[in-house]
């Protein structure tokens, strides 16, 4: 981590679930402004493969990502990230508990393994809505892979607390209340 500060790498479901349910952009603009502000400070970012997933939506979220967060999606083609992804892939292939379909699905997912590899290579924190399911044989969850590789993984609400992000509303004059 740079300068001893924490850096949070966001999974696509952080953006998608916020936009679709609890922090719609028009209703809770402070959430989206806070993401950008903390990205500018170097605390929050995501990866190119998450951006690709968001771009498939061709919706308000995709437009926001391209207009306001585009500079904070990092490339995953660095040798250290590719090497970390190889370790994840090898571990999954050798893991006997997971069914072959689960392994194929996880490794064919555009972002999940790369998100973990990116965080692993840089010492960052993965932020996802996925919840650990260590006994699962049919679905490989991000937190379980993170746990094996000792990559910290938290949910978005923990990230908000750790960054001390306070969501508020603005009145008609634009003042924070």
Foldseek 3Di string as FASTA:
>chain_A
DPPPAAAEAEALCQLVCLCVPVPNCVVFVLVVVVQLVCLVVRRYAYAPLSLVVLCVVVDPSNVCCVVRVVVRHYYLPDPQLVVLLVVLLVVLVPDDQADPQQSVVQVVRRGLSSRLSVCLSVVHEYEDPWDDDPNDRHHDTSVVSCVVSVHHYYYVVVVCVVVVRDTFDAPPVRHTD
